[in-house]
N, C-alpha and C. Protein backbone atom coordinates (compact mmCIF):
# COMPACT_ATOMS: atom_id res chain seq x y z
N UNK A 1 -127.90 188.81 1.63
CA UNK A 1 -127.13 188.01 0.73
C UNK A 1 -125.90 188.70 0.29
N UNK A 2 -124.65 188.18 0.43
CA UNK A 2 -123.50 188.81 0.08
C UNK A 2 -123.22 188.67 -1.38
N UNK A 3 -122.23 189.59 -1.89
CA UNK A 3 -121.88 189.61 -3.26
C UNK A 3 -121.44 188.21 -3.82
N UNK A 4 -120.67 187.56 -2.94
CA UNK A 4 -120.14 186.35 -3.20
C UNK A 4 -121.22 185.26 -3.52
N UNK A 5 -122.21 185.29 -2.62
CA UNK A 5 -123.43 184.32 -2.67
C UNK A 5 -124.18 184.52 -3.96
N UNK A 6 -124.33 185.91 -4.22
CA UNK A 6 -125.08 186.28 -5.40
C UNK A 6 -124.32 185.82 -6.69
N UNK A 7 -123.08 186.01 -6.83
CA UNK A 7 -122.23 185.57 -7.86
C UNK A 7 -122.29 184.06 -8.09
N UNK A 8 -122.28 183.23 -7.05
CA UNK A 8 -122.53 181.81 -7.10
C UNK A 8 -123.83 181.28 -7.50
N UNK A 9 -124.86 182.17 -7.09
CA UNK A 9 -126.19 181.80 -7.52
C UNK A 9 -126.39 181.88 -9.01
N UNK A 10 -125.82 182.87 -9.60
CA UNK A 10 -126.00 183.17 -10.98
C UNK A 10 -124.95 182.64 -11.91
N UNK A 11 -123.96 181.94 -11.26
CA UNK A 11 -123.02 181.41 -12.15
C UNK A 11 -123.42 180.20 -13.05
N UNK A 12 -123.11 180.39 -14.36
CA UNK A 12 -123.60 179.47 -15.45
C UNK A 12 -122.76 178.18 -15.38
N UNK A 13 -123.44 177.05 -14.93
CA UNK A 13 -122.77 175.84 -14.68
C UNK A 13 -122.98 174.98 -15.98
N UNK A 14 -123.86 175.39 -16.99
CA UNK A 14 -124.16 174.77 -17.99
C UNK A 14 -123.49 175.08 -19.39
N UNK A 15 -122.42 175.90 -19.17
CA UNK A 15 -121.64 176.30 -20.30
C UNK A 15 -121.08 175.25 -21.22
N UNK A 16 -120.50 174.17 -20.64
CA UNK A 16 -119.90 173.12 -21.34
C UNK A 16 -121.10 172.12 -21.94
N UNK A 17 -122.09 172.00 -21.34
CA UNK A 17 -123.23 171.28 -21.87
C UNK A 17 -123.70 172.00 -23.13
N UNK A 18 -124.04 173.26 -23.10
CA UNK A 18 -124.30 174.09 -24.41
C UNK A 18 -123.10 173.88 -25.47
N UNK A 19 -122.02 173.99 -25.03
CA UNK A 19 -121.00 173.79 -26.13
C UNK A 19 -120.98 172.43 -26.63
N UNK A 20 -121.32 171.41 -25.80
CA UNK A 20 -121.29 170.05 -26.25
C UNK A 20 -122.52 169.89 -27.31
N UNK A 21 -123.57 170.35 -27.06
CA UNK A 21 -124.76 170.24 -27.92
C UNK A 21 -124.37 170.89 -29.24
N UNK A 22 -123.91 172.06 -29.26
CA UNK A 22 -123.39 172.91 -30.46
C UNK A 22 -122.41 172.01 -31.26
N UNK A 23 -121.36 171.43 -30.55
CA UNK A 23 -120.39 170.62 -31.15
C UNK A 23 -120.98 169.54 -31.71
N UNK A 24 -121.82 168.70 -31.08
CA UNK A 24 -122.50 167.43 -31.63
C UNK A 24 -123.25 168.00 -32.91
N UNK A 25 -123.90 168.96 -32.88
CA UNK A 25 -124.78 169.40 -34.10
C UNK A 25 -123.75 169.69 -35.30
N UNK A 26 -122.62 170.31 -35.05
CA UNK A 26 -121.61 170.56 -36.00
C UNK A 26 -121.16 169.31 -36.52
N UNK A 27 -120.83 168.28 -35.53
CA UNK A 27 -120.36 167.05 -36.07
C UNK A 27 -121.31 166.12 -36.84
N UNK A 28 -122.56 166.25 -36.48
CA UNK A 28 -123.75 165.75 -37.15
C UNK A 28 -123.78 166.35 -38.64
N UNK A 29 -123.66 167.59 -38.74
CA UNK A 29 -123.68 168.38 -39.99
C UNK A 29 -122.51 167.86 -40.89
N UNK A 30 -121.31 167.69 -40.23
CA UNK A 30 -120.12 167.27 -41.00
C UNK A 30 -120.42 165.80 -41.51
N UNK A 31 -120.95 164.96 -40.73
CA UNK A 31 -121.26 163.59 -40.95
C UNK A 31 -122.15 163.53 -42.25
N UNK A 32 -123.22 164.46 -42.18
CA UNK A 32 -124.08 164.50 -43.34
C UNK A 32 -123.31 164.93 -44.58
N UNK A 33 -122.62 165.83 -44.54
CA UNK A 33 -121.79 166.22 -45.66
C UNK A 33 -120.94 165.08 -46.18
N UNK A 34 -120.15 164.47 -45.28
CA UNK A 34 -119.34 163.25 -45.61
C UNK A 34 -120.09 162.13 -46.22
N UNK A 35 -121.36 161.94 -45.66
CA UNK A 35 -122.18 160.72 -46.21
C UNK A 35 -122.39 160.79 -47.70
N UNK A 36 -122.25 162.05 -48.28
CA UNK A 36 -122.35 162.18 -49.85
C UNK A 36 -121.04 161.92 -50.51
N UNK A 37 -119.99 161.63 -49.71
CA UNK A 37 -118.67 161.36 -50.48
C UNK A 37 -118.69 159.82 -50.51
N UNK A 38 -119.11 159.29 -51.61
CA UNK A 38 -119.12 157.85 -51.75
C UNK A 38 -118.08 157.25 -52.55
N UNK A 39 -117.10 156.53 -52.04
CA UNK A 39 -116.07 155.99 -52.78
C UNK A 39 -116.14 154.38 -52.86
N UNK A 40 -116.24 153.88 -54.15
CA UNK A 40 -116.09 152.38 -54.37
C UNK A 40 -114.77 151.98 -53.95
N UNK A 41 -114.72 150.92 -52.98
CA UNK A 41 -113.36 150.51 -52.41
C UNK A 41 -113.19 149.11 -52.78
N UNK A 42 -114.12 148.46 -53.35
CA UNK A 42 -113.77 147.04 -53.72
C UNK A 42 -114.13 146.93 -55.27
N UNK A 43 -112.99 146.35 -56.00
CA UNK A 43 -113.06 146.13 -57.45
C UNK A 43 -114.37 145.01 -57.71
N UNK A 44 -115.00 145.37 -58.89
CA UNK A 44 -116.04 144.28 -59.20
C UNK A 44 -117.41 144.57 -58.55
N UNK A 45 -117.53 145.44 -57.39
CA UNK A 45 -118.78 145.70 -56.85
C UNK A 45 -118.88 147.24 -56.55
N UNK A 46 -119.05 147.94 -57.62
CA UNK A 46 -119.14 149.37 -57.40
C UNK A 46 -120.27 149.97 -56.71
N UNK A 47 -121.36 149.08 -56.51
CA UNK A 47 -122.47 149.54 -55.87
C UNK A 47 -122.25 149.63 -54.32
N UNK A 48 -121.21 149.00 -53.83
CA UNK A 48 -120.77 149.09 -52.46
C UNK A 48 -119.75 150.15 -52.32
N UNK A 49 -120.26 151.23 -51.52
CA UNK A 49 -119.26 152.42 -51.55
C UNK A 49 -119.07 152.75 -50.10
N UNK A 50 -117.93 153.26 -49.82
CA UNK A 50 -117.56 153.76 -48.61
C UNK A 50 -117.79 155.25 -48.40
N UNK A 51 -118.36 155.62 -47.37
CA UNK A 51 -118.33 157.06 -46.96
C UNK A 51 -117.95 157.19 -45.47
N UNK A 52 -117.16 158.23 -45.22
CA UNK A 52 -116.67 158.46 -43.99
C UNK A 52 -117.55 159.13 -42.87
N UNK A 53 -118.91 159.00 -42.90
CA UNK A 53 -119.86 159.64 -42.11
C UNK A 53 -119.86 159.21 -40.73
N UNK A 54 -119.25 157.97 -40.42
CA UNK A 54 -119.30 157.45 -39.03
C UNK A 54 -118.02 158.05 -38.26
N UNK A 55 -117.18 158.62 -38.92
CA UNK A 55 -116.07 159.23 -38.21
C UNK A 55 -116.48 160.42 -37.20
N UNK A 56 -117.15 161.40 -37.69
CA UNK A 56 -117.68 162.36 -36.66
C UNK A 56 -118.47 161.74 -35.57
N UNK A 57 -119.28 160.84 -35.75
CA UNK A 57 -119.97 160.03 -34.66
C UNK A 57 -119.14 159.57 -33.71
N UNK A 58 -117.97 158.91 -34.11
CA UNK A 58 -117.04 158.17 -33.21
C UNK A 58 -116.18 159.33 -32.43
N UNK A 59 -115.90 160.35 -33.19
CA UNK A 59 -115.23 161.52 -32.65
C UNK A 59 -116.02 162.11 -31.39
N UNK A 60 -117.22 162.16 -31.68
CA UNK A 60 -118.28 162.74 -30.68
C UNK A 60 -118.33 161.76 -29.50
N UNK A 61 -118.39 160.37 -29.73
CA UNK A 61 -118.37 159.41 -28.82
C UNK A 61 -117.10 159.44 -27.83
N UNK A 62 -115.97 159.56 -28.63
CA UNK A 62 -114.72 159.74 -27.67
C UNK A 62 -114.69 160.99 -26.88
N UNK A 63 -115.25 162.15 -27.44
CA UNK A 63 -115.19 163.23 -26.72
C UNK A 63 -116.19 163.49 -25.59
N UNK A 64 -117.38 162.99 -25.93
CA UNK A 64 -118.64 163.35 -25.03
C UNK A 64 -119.14 162.12 -24.49
N UNK A 65 -118.85 160.94 -24.94
CA UNK A 65 -119.45 159.63 -24.36
C UNK A 65 -120.26 158.90 -25.26
N UNK A 66 -120.45 157.63 -25.06
CA UNK A 66 -121.20 156.72 -25.97
C UNK A 66 -122.57 157.19 -26.48
N UNK A 67 -123.33 157.79 -25.54
CA UNK A 67 -124.74 158.25 -25.90
C UNK A 67 -124.55 159.48 -26.97
N UNK A 68 -123.67 160.40 -26.80
CA UNK A 68 -123.41 161.48 -27.69
C UNK A 68 -122.91 160.91 -29.04
N UNK A 69 -122.18 159.99 -29.03
CA UNK A 69 -121.71 159.39 -30.24
C UNK A 69 -122.57 158.76 -31.20
N UNK A 70 -123.57 157.95 -30.50
CA UNK A 70 -124.62 157.28 -31.13
C UNK A 70 -125.74 158.28 -31.49
N UNK A 71 -125.93 159.43 -30.71
CA UNK A 71 -126.98 160.37 -31.18
C UNK A 71 -126.39 161.00 -32.42
N UNK A 72 -125.04 161.34 -32.55
CA UNK A 72 -124.62 162.09 -33.70
C UNK A 72 -124.66 161.13 -34.86
N UNK A 73 -124.42 159.70 -34.71
CA UNK A 73 -124.61 158.73 -35.74
C UNK A 73 -125.98 158.48 -36.23
N UNK A 74 -126.96 158.64 -35.29
CA UNK A 74 -128.30 158.46 -35.77
C UNK A 74 -128.88 159.60 -36.54
N UNK A 75 -128.50 160.91 -35.96
CA UNK A 75 -128.98 162.12 -36.59
C UNK A 75 -128.48 162.26 -38.00
N UNK A 76 -127.09 161.85 -38.10
CA UNK A 76 -126.48 161.84 -39.47
C UNK A 76 -127.14 160.98 -40.51
N UNK A 77 -127.47 159.72 -40.01
CA UNK A 77 -128.25 158.72 -40.87
C UNK A 77 -129.59 159.23 -41.20
N UNK A 78 -130.31 159.68 -40.29
CA UNK A 78 -131.64 160.19 -40.43
C UNK A 78 -131.80 161.40 -41.47
N UNK A 79 -130.86 162.37 -41.26
CA UNK A 79 -130.82 163.46 -42.29
C UNK A 79 -130.39 162.93 -43.58
N UNK A 80 -129.45 162.01 -43.79
CA UNK A 80 -129.03 161.63 -45.01
C UNK A 80 -130.24 160.84 -45.67
N UNK A 81 -130.87 159.98 -44.84
CA UNK A 81 -132.05 159.26 -45.24
C UNK A 81 -133.11 160.06 -45.83
N UNK A 82 -133.40 161.19 -45.06
CA UNK A 82 -134.48 162.09 -45.43
C UNK A 82 -134.00 162.75 -46.83
N UNK A 83 -132.91 163.12 -46.94
CA UNK A 83 -132.35 163.81 -48.15
C UNK A 83 -132.30 162.88 -49.36
N UNK A 84 -132.18 161.56 -49.20
CA UNK A 84 -131.95 160.65 -50.28
C UNK A 84 -133.25 159.75 -50.37
N UNK A 85 -134.21 159.85 -49.49
CA UNK A 85 -135.47 159.09 -49.40
C UNK A 85 -135.00 157.61 -49.47
N UNK A 86 -134.00 157.26 -48.75
CA UNK A 86 -133.54 155.83 -48.58
C UNK A 86 -133.84 155.22 -47.28
N UNK A 87 -134.99 154.70 -47.05
CA UNK A 87 -135.40 154.12 -45.82
C UNK A 87 -134.57 153.02 -45.35
N UNK A 88 -134.28 152.08 -46.13
CA UNK A 88 -133.51 150.86 -45.81
C UNK A 88 -132.03 151.27 -45.52
N UNK A 89 -131.50 152.15 -46.35
CA UNK A 89 -130.19 152.55 -46.07
C UNK A 89 -130.04 153.14 -44.73
N UNK A 90 -131.07 153.92 -44.33
CA UNK A 90 -131.02 154.74 -43.09
C UNK A 90 -130.99 153.72 -42.02
N UNK A 91 -131.90 152.55 -42.09
CA UNK A 91 -131.82 151.60 -41.09
C UNK A 91 -130.38 150.92 -40.85
N UNK A 92 -129.74 150.65 -41.98
CA UNK A 92 -128.46 150.07 -42.02
C UNK A 92 -127.36 150.94 -41.35
N UNK A 93 -127.61 152.40 -41.68
CA UNK A 93 -126.69 153.34 -41.04
C UNK A 93 -126.88 153.29 -39.48
N UNK A 94 -128.25 153.31 -39.14
CA UNK A 94 -128.45 153.40 -37.66
C UNK A 94 -127.68 152.04 -37.06
N UNK A 95 -127.91 150.93 -37.55
CA UNK A 95 -127.44 149.71 -37.05
C UNK A 95 -125.93 149.77 -37.00
N UNK A 96 -125.21 150.06 -38.12
CA UNK A 96 -123.80 150.02 -38.16
C UNK A 96 -123.16 151.13 -37.30
N UNK A 97 -123.78 152.34 -37.42
CA UNK A 97 -123.19 153.36 -36.55
C UNK A 97 -123.29 153.05 -35.03
N UNK A 98 -124.26 152.67 -34.70
CA UNK A 98 -124.47 152.23 -33.16
C UNK A 98 -123.50 151.01 -32.93
N UNK A 99 -123.32 150.11 -33.71
CA UNK A 99 -122.45 148.91 -33.43
C UNK A 99 -120.99 149.30 -33.44
N UNK A 100 -120.65 150.49 -34.26
CA UNK A 100 -119.27 150.82 -34.33
C UNK A 100 -118.97 151.71 -33.22
N UNK A 101 -119.87 152.69 -32.82
CA UNK A 101 -119.48 153.84 -31.89
C UNK A 101 -119.68 153.40 -30.45
N UNK A 102 -120.79 152.76 -30.13
CA UNK A 102 -121.23 152.37 -28.73
C UNK A 102 -120.01 151.47 -28.08
N UNK A 103 -119.75 150.32 -28.57
CA UNK A 103 -118.55 149.55 -27.88
C UNK A 103 -117.32 150.33 -27.73
N UNK A 104 -116.85 151.08 -28.76
CA UNK A 104 -115.70 151.91 -28.76
C UNK A 104 -115.59 152.82 -27.73
N UNK A 105 -116.77 153.75 -27.83
CA UNK A 105 -116.83 154.79 -26.86
C UNK A 105 -116.96 154.34 -25.41
N UNK A 106 -117.60 153.18 -25.15
CA UNK A 106 -117.60 152.70 -23.81
C UNK A 106 -116.36 152.28 -23.32
N UNK A 107 -115.63 151.63 -24.10
CA UNK A 107 -114.15 151.25 -23.67
C UNK A 107 -113.31 152.51 -23.39
N UNK A 108 -113.38 153.43 -24.41
CA UNK A 108 -112.67 154.57 -24.20
C UNK A 108 -112.96 155.55 -22.97
N UNK A 109 -114.33 155.48 -22.63
CA UNK A 109 -114.88 156.21 -21.51
C UNK A 109 -114.23 155.74 -20.22
N UNK A 110 -114.00 154.30 -20.06
CA UNK A 110 -113.41 153.84 -18.86
C UNK A 110 -112.06 154.23 -18.67
N UNK A 111 -111.21 154.21 -19.61
CA UNK A 111 -109.85 154.59 -19.53
C UNK A 111 -109.41 155.43 -20.71
N UNK A 112 -109.26 156.68 -20.65
CA UNK A 112 -108.98 157.55 -21.80
C UNK A 112 -107.47 157.56 -22.22
N UNK A 113 -107.11 156.47 -22.80
CA UNK A 113 -105.70 156.41 -23.26
C UNK A 113 -105.65 155.93 -24.71
N UNK A 114 -104.48 156.15 -25.33
CA UNK A 114 -104.48 155.73 -26.92
C UNK A 114 -104.72 154.22 -26.84
N UNK A 115 -104.15 153.41 -26.08
CA UNK A 115 -104.35 151.91 -25.97
C UNK A 115 -105.91 151.61 -26.00
N UNK A 116 -106.53 152.32 -25.07
CA UNK A 116 -107.94 152.06 -24.87
C UNK A 116 -108.77 152.42 -26.13
N UNK A 117 -108.18 153.61 -26.74
CA UNK A 117 -109.02 153.93 -28.03
C UNK A 117 -108.84 152.97 -29.08
N UNK A 118 -107.54 152.39 -29.19
CA UNK A 118 -107.36 151.31 -30.31
C UNK A 118 -108.15 150.04 -29.94
N UNK A 119 -108.12 149.64 -28.64
CA UNK A 119 -108.85 148.51 -28.37
C UNK A 119 -110.45 148.69 -28.60
N UNK A 120 -110.79 149.90 -28.14
CA UNK A 120 -112.31 150.09 -28.40
C UNK A 120 -112.60 150.25 -29.91
N UNK A 121 -111.75 150.68 -30.77
CA UNK A 121 -112.03 150.86 -32.07
C UNK A 121 -111.98 149.43 -32.71
N UNK A 122 -111.14 148.56 -32.18
CA UNK A 122 -110.98 147.24 -32.77
C UNK A 122 -112.43 146.49 -32.39
N UNK A 123 -112.79 146.71 -31.14
CA UNK A 123 -114.00 146.04 -30.76
C UNK A 123 -115.27 146.58 -31.62
N UNK A 124 -115.24 147.90 -31.75
CA UNK A 124 -116.27 148.63 -32.45
C UNK A 124 -116.29 147.99 -33.95
N UNK A 125 -115.15 147.86 -34.60
CA UNK A 125 -115.01 147.46 -35.84
C UNK A 125 -115.60 145.93 -36.07
N UNK A 126 -115.17 145.01 -35.11
CA UNK A 126 -115.66 143.77 -35.15
C UNK A 126 -117.32 143.76 -34.93
N UNK A 127 -117.77 144.58 -33.95
CA UNK A 127 -119.34 144.57 -33.86
C UNK A 127 -119.93 145.18 -35.06
N UNK A 128 -119.23 146.16 -35.71
CA UNK A 128 -119.94 146.78 -36.99
C UNK A 128 -119.91 145.60 -38.11
N UNK A 129 -118.85 144.97 -38.29
CA UNK A 129 -118.78 143.99 -39.33
C UNK A 129 -119.84 142.96 -38.99
N UNK A 130 -120.09 142.43 -37.75
CA UNK A 130 -121.02 141.46 -37.45
C UNK A 130 -122.58 141.90 -37.71
N UNK A 131 -122.80 143.07 -37.29
CA UNK A 131 -124.15 143.77 -37.43
C UNK A 131 -124.35 144.01 -38.77
N UNK A 132 -123.31 144.44 -39.62
CA UNK A 132 -123.51 144.74 -41.04
C UNK A 132 -123.98 143.55 -41.79
N UNK A 133 -123.34 142.31 -41.43
CA UNK A 133 -123.73 141.11 -42.07
C UNK A 133 -125.02 140.69 -41.76
N UNK A 134 -125.35 140.65 -40.46
CA UNK A 134 -126.74 140.41 -39.98
C UNK A 134 -127.81 141.32 -40.77
N UNK A 135 -127.49 142.55 -40.53
CA UNK A 135 -128.37 143.62 -41.14
C UNK A 135 -128.53 143.39 -42.67
N UNK A 136 -127.50 143.13 -43.53
CA UNK A 136 -127.59 142.76 -44.90
C UNK A 136 -128.53 141.53 -45.10
N UNK A 137 -128.39 140.57 -44.25
CA UNK A 137 -129.17 139.26 -44.28
C UNK A 137 -130.61 139.62 -44.13
N UNK A 138 -130.97 140.57 -43.24
CA UNK A 138 -132.47 140.95 -42.93
C UNK A 138 -132.85 141.98 -43.89
N UNK A 139 -132.16 142.94 -44.25
CA UNK A 139 -132.65 144.16 -44.89
C UNK A 139 -132.68 144.03 -46.43
N UNK A 140 -131.46 143.41 -46.93
CA UNK A 140 -131.22 143.42 -48.36
C UNK A 140 -132.50 142.69 -49.19
N UNK A 141 -132.77 141.46 -48.64
CA UNK A 141 -134.00 140.89 -49.47
C UNK A 141 -135.24 141.57 -49.27
N UNK A 142 -135.54 142.59 -48.35
CA UNK A 142 -136.76 143.32 -48.28
C UNK A 142 -136.72 144.51 -49.33
N UNK A 143 -135.55 145.08 -49.65
CA UNK A 143 -135.73 146.08 -50.53
C UNK A 143 -135.17 145.89 -51.94
N UNK A 144 -134.39 144.83 -52.04
CA UNK A 144 -133.88 144.57 -53.43
C UNK A 144 -134.48 143.26 -54.07
N UNK A 145 -135.28 142.63 -53.35
CA UNK A 145 -135.84 141.39 -54.02
C UNK A 145 -134.86 140.18 -54.10
N UNK A 146 -133.71 140.34 -53.66
CA UNK A 146 -132.71 139.25 -53.66
C UNK A 146 -133.07 138.21 -52.59
N UNK A 147 -132.80 136.94 -52.84
CA UNK A 147 -133.09 136.08 -51.73
C UNK A 147 -132.09 136.05 -50.71
N UNK A 148 -132.50 135.46 -49.48
CA UNK A 148 -131.46 135.42 -48.43
C UNK A 148 -130.41 134.47 -48.80
N UNK A 149 -130.66 133.56 -49.54
CA UNK A 149 -129.60 132.61 -50.05
C UNK A 149 -128.47 133.31 -50.94
N UNK A 150 -129.13 134.16 -51.66
CA UNK A 150 -128.21 135.01 -52.55
C UNK A 150 -127.25 135.82 -51.72
N UNK A 151 -127.91 136.56 -50.71
CA UNK A 151 -127.14 137.38 -49.82
C UNK A 151 -126.00 136.49 -49.16
N UNK A 152 -126.55 135.31 -48.66
CA UNK A 152 -125.51 134.51 -47.88
C UNK A 152 -124.36 134.12 -48.80
N UNK A 153 -124.53 134.05 -50.06
CA UNK A 153 -123.59 133.74 -51.12
C UNK A 153 -122.64 134.78 -51.26
N UNK A 154 -123.03 136.02 -50.72
CA UNK A 154 -122.19 137.25 -51.09
C UNK A 154 -121.42 137.42 -49.83
N UNK A 155 -121.54 136.74 -48.66
CA UNK A 155 -120.99 137.30 -47.38
C UNK A 155 -119.54 137.03 -47.46
N UNK A 156 -118.97 135.88 -47.79
CA UNK A 156 -117.43 135.82 -47.83
C UNK A 156 -116.87 136.57 -48.87
N UNK A 157 -117.26 136.42 -50.15
CA UNK A 157 -116.52 137.21 -51.27
C UNK A 157 -116.61 138.68 -51.26
N UNK A 158 -117.85 139.26 -50.71
CA UNK A 158 -118.07 140.57 -50.99
C UNK A 158 -118.42 141.31 -49.74
N UNK A 159 -119.42 141.03 -48.87
CA UNK A 159 -119.81 141.65 -47.78
C UNK A 159 -118.78 141.68 -46.68
N UNK A 160 -118.02 140.61 -46.41
CA UNK A 160 -117.12 140.40 -45.25
C UNK A 160 -115.86 141.40 -45.61
N UNK A 161 -115.33 141.31 -46.85
CA UNK A 161 -114.10 142.13 -46.92
C UNK A 161 -114.43 143.52 -47.16
N UNK A 162 -115.54 143.87 -47.76
CA UNK A 162 -116.02 145.40 -47.73
C UNK A 162 -116.17 145.95 -46.31
N UNK A 163 -116.91 145.26 -45.41
CA UNK A 163 -117.15 145.81 -44.22
C UNK A 163 -115.88 145.83 -43.29
N UNK A 164 -115.12 144.73 -43.55
CA UNK A 164 -113.78 144.83 -42.66
C UNK A 164 -112.94 146.01 -43.17
N UNK A 165 -112.89 146.36 -44.46
CA UNK A 165 -112.02 147.41 -45.01
C UNK A 165 -112.72 148.69 -44.62
N UNK A 166 -114.04 148.81 -44.63
CA UNK A 166 -114.65 150.02 -44.12
C UNK A 166 -114.47 150.38 -42.74
N UNK A 167 -114.41 149.25 -41.89
CA UNK A 167 -114.32 149.52 -40.47
C UNK A 167 -112.75 149.86 -40.24
N UNK A 168 -111.86 149.28 -40.94
CA UNK A 168 -110.42 149.72 -40.71
C UNK A 168 -110.18 151.15 -41.09
N UNK A 169 -110.73 151.51 -42.29
CA UNK A 169 -110.62 152.98 -42.59
C UNK A 169 -111.20 153.86 -41.58
N UNK A 170 -112.54 153.56 -41.24
CA UNK A 170 -113.09 154.46 -40.13
C UNK A 170 -112.30 154.48 -38.89
N UNK A 171 -111.95 153.35 -38.34
CA UNK A 171 -111.06 153.30 -37.19
C UNK A 171 -109.76 154.21 -37.31
N UNK A 172 -109.03 154.02 -38.44
CA UNK A 172 -107.81 154.84 -38.73
C UNK A 172 -108.13 156.24 -38.74
N UNK A 173 -109.12 156.73 -39.65
CA UNK A 173 -109.48 158.12 -39.73
C UNK A 173 -109.82 158.68 -38.35
N UNK A 174 -110.48 157.88 -37.54
CA UNK A 174 -110.92 158.42 -36.20
C UNK A 174 -109.79 158.67 -35.35
N UNK A 175 -108.68 157.75 -35.28
CA UNK A 175 -107.56 158.01 -34.55
C UNK A 175 -106.86 159.26 -35.02
N UNK A 176 -106.75 159.51 -36.34
CA UNK A 176 -106.05 160.68 -36.79
C UNK A 176 -106.75 161.80 -36.48
N UNK A 177 -108.12 161.96 -36.73
CA UNK A 177 -109.02 163.09 -36.75
C UNK A 177 -109.15 163.53 -35.22
N UNK A 178 -109.31 162.45 -34.39
CA UNK A 178 -109.56 162.69 -32.82
C UNK A 178 -108.24 163.27 -32.24
N UNK A 179 -107.13 162.65 -32.60
CA UNK A 179 -105.95 163.17 -32.05
C UNK A 179 -105.75 164.61 -32.37
N UNK A 180 -106.01 164.92 -33.44
CA UNK A 180 -105.93 166.38 -33.97
C UNK A 180 -106.92 167.33 -33.27
N UNK A 181 -108.03 166.94 -33.04
CA UNK A 181 -109.01 167.84 -32.65
C UNK A 181 -109.50 167.68 -31.16
N UNK A 182 -108.96 166.80 -30.39
CA UNK A 182 -109.51 166.42 -29.06
C UNK A 182 -109.34 167.56 -28.00
N UNK A 183 -108.21 168.45 -28.27
CA UNK A 183 -107.96 169.46 -27.30
C UNK A 183 -109.06 170.61 -27.60
N UNK A 184 -109.63 170.69 -28.92
CA UNK A 184 -110.55 171.73 -29.29
C UNK A 184 -111.92 171.29 -28.70
N UNK A 185 -112.20 169.92 -28.72
CA UNK A 185 -113.52 169.44 -28.47
C UNK A 185 -113.76 169.20 -26.94
N UNK A 186 -112.70 168.73 -26.21
CA UNK A 186 -112.93 168.56 -24.82
C UNK A 186 -112.51 169.64 -24.07
N UNK A 187 -113.50 170.26 -23.15
CA UNK A 187 -113.06 171.39 -22.26
C UNK A 187 -111.99 171.15 -21.46
N UNK A 188 -111.08 172.04 -21.06
CA UNK A 188 -110.03 171.78 -20.33
C UNK A 188 -110.41 171.23 -18.91
N UNK A 189 -111.55 171.58 -18.40
CA UNK A 189 -111.79 171.05 -16.96
C UNK A 189 -112.16 169.52 -17.03
N UNK A 190 -112.42 169.06 -18.30
CA UNK A 190 -112.76 167.53 -18.25
C UNK A 190 -111.55 166.82 -18.92
N UNK A 191 -110.40 167.33 -19.36
CA UNK A 191 -109.50 166.59 -19.84
C UNK A 191 -108.68 165.82 -18.55
N UNK A 192 -108.23 164.68 -19.06
CA UNK A 192 -107.43 163.84 -18.19
C UNK A 192 -106.03 164.08 -18.25
N UNK A 193 -105.43 164.60 -17.26
CA UNK A 193 -103.83 164.76 -17.36
C UNK A 193 -103.02 163.59 -17.46
N UNK A 194 -101.94 163.72 -18.19
CA UNK A 194 -101.00 162.67 -18.25
C UNK A 194 -101.28 161.49 -19.11
N UNK A 195 -102.33 161.60 -19.94
CA UNK A 195 -102.64 160.46 -20.77
C UNK A 195 -102.74 160.83 -22.32
């Protein structure tokens, strides 16, 4: 066996995968920290608070693909749920994170351009709002004792504007953050030139 063949045999082809796992773990940890930054963004309903924990999941989805993004979102929600003992909140985080990240990352994976990122984020925002409304109709009556009719009465004046605003803020923050860190997160060999 020649020296060249020996070199090829022992060449580490998994270095990017290891880097990806470490980066995803770091993004999940950042997501958990961000999940404790809760900001009331709607006057009159201080119990509805925005936290930017979905942004690291979306950055992961744009960098490494839809499955990676959803995984970071789920791990973030699971750890936050364990730390706060909030079972129902964790379910809502799973649903909303998946609905937001999956469609956007799928669109961006097909064509990695700024336009595709914006289209993906708009689609993700629409899906997140829809799933958040359905999730509230199913989950809120179970943990708060409020009737389904009462939750339905909150959709237009409270839940819809809150979730639209939340998804817009998440999308804008994702564009800003991803643009800033994409060259650090995506290995050179996987970057698409000219886009």
